[in-house]
Amino acid sequence: MSSEHARTPTIDVTAMLALLPLPDLDGLSEQQVRGAACVWTGVVLTPATAVDLGRRTASRAGVSVPWFPRGTVFLAVVGLV
């Protein structure tokens, strides 16, 4: 078997999670809004499990505010994306 066929495929977890629609900001906990917990599951994140989903803009109380959602790498691993 050539080395070309023996390669393990790589997965871009950030790109996969970025395809998922984000939940409504008003329905999230404070931890989810500030990026300490996954926006989808609410699981508290660690540096090893957190995936930065990039800067987003949302409307809160009629004002446009920036927020920085994060998800968990485990969503991609279990096939939810």
Protein backbone atom coordinates (compact mmCIF):
# COMPACT_ATOMS: atom_id res chain seq x y z
CA MET A 1 0.00 0.00 0.00
CA SER A 2 1.44 3.37 -0.94
CA SER A 3 1.89 6.08 1.67
CA GLU A 4 -0.70 8.15 -0.18
CA HIS A 5 -3.41 5.63 0.69
CA ALA A 6 -2.24 5.19 4.28
CA ARG A 7 -2.82 8.81 5.30
CA THR A 8 -5.36 9.50 7.99
CA PRO A 9 -7.92 12.05 6.82
CA THR A 10 -7.91 15.35 8.66
CA ILE A 11 -11.04 17.12 9.80
CA ASP A 12 -11.34 20.88 10.06
CA VAL A 13 -13.49 20.97 13.20
CA THR A 14 -13.78 24.76 13.20
CA ALA A 15 -15.07 24.81 9.63
CA MET A 16 -17.56 22.04 10.37
CA LEU A 17 -18.96 23.74 13.47
CA ALA A 18 -19.12 27.10 11.68
CA LEU A 19 -21.70 25.57 9.33
CA LEU A 20 -24.16 24.96 12.17
CA PRO A 21 -26.71 27.70 12.84
CA LEU A 22 -26.13 29.46 16.14
CA PRO A 23 -28.90 29.48 18.73
CA ASP A 24 -30.70 32.74 19.51
CA LEU A 25 -28.58 34.88 21.80
CA ASP A 26 -31.54 35.61 24.10
CA GLY A 27 -31.93 31.92 24.91
CA LEU A 28 -28.32 31.41 26.01
CA SER A 29 -26.86 31.43 29.50
CA GLU A 30 -24.29 34.03 30.53
CA GLN A 31 -21.58 31.35 30.26
CA GLN A 32 -22.62 30.53 26.70
CA VAL A 33 -22.69 34.20 25.65
CA ARG A 34 -19.20 34.88 27.03
CA GLY A 35 -17.74 31.70 25.51
CA ALA A 36 -17.16 29.74 28.72
CA ALA A 37 -19.73 27.11 27.68
CA CYS A 38 -20.71 25.56 24.35
CA VAL A 39 -23.42 27.56 22.58
CA TRP A 40 -25.28 24.37 21.62
CA THR A 41 -24.91 22.08 24.62
CA GLY A 42 -24.09 24.40 27.53
CA VAL A 43 -21.15 22.16 28.51
CA VAL A 44 -18.39 24.15 30.22
CA LEU A 45 -15.40 24.41 27.89
CA THR A 46 -11.70 23.96 28.52
CA PRO A 47 -8.80 25.04 26.32
CA ALA A 48 -8.64 21.44 25.03
CA THR A 49 -12.34 21.19 24.12
CA ALA A 50 -13.23 24.73 22.99
CA VAL A 51 -13.56 25.69 19.34
CA ASP A 52 -13.64 29.43 18.62
CA LEU A 53 -16.42 30.18 16.14
CA GLY A 54 -15.25 33.71 15.39
CA ARG A 55 -16.60 37.16 16.08
CA ARG A 56 -20.30 37.54 15.42
CA THR A 57 -22.73 40.41 15.70
CA ALA A 58 -26.13 40.07 17.31
CA SER A 59 -28.94 42.36 18.33
CA ARG A 60 -29.61 42.62 22.03
CA ALA A 61 -32.23 45.04 23.36
CA GLY A 62 -32.23 46.72 19.95
CA VAL A 63 -28.47 47.34 20.00
CA SER A 64 -25.94 45.60 17.76
CA VAL A 65 -23.37 43.91 20.00
CA PRO A 66 -20.33 41.75 19.23
CA TRP A 67 -20.04 38.29 20.72
CA PHE A 68 -17.58 35.44 20.41
CA PRO A 69 -19.38 32.09 20.49
CA ARG A 70 -17.52 28.87 21.12
CA GLY A 71 -18.51 25.27 20.62
CA THR A 72 -17.07 21.96 21.64
CA VAL A 73 -14.87 19.72 19.53
CA PHE A 74 -16.94 16.74 20.69
CA LEU A 75 -19.90 17.79 18.50
CA ALA A 76 -17.81 17.07 15.41
CA VAL A 77 -16.37 13.86 16.85
CA VAL A 78 -19.79 12.32 17.55
CA GLY A 79 -21.06 13.26 14.09
CA LEU A 80 -23.48 16.05 14.93
CA VAL A 81 -22.03 18.07 12.07
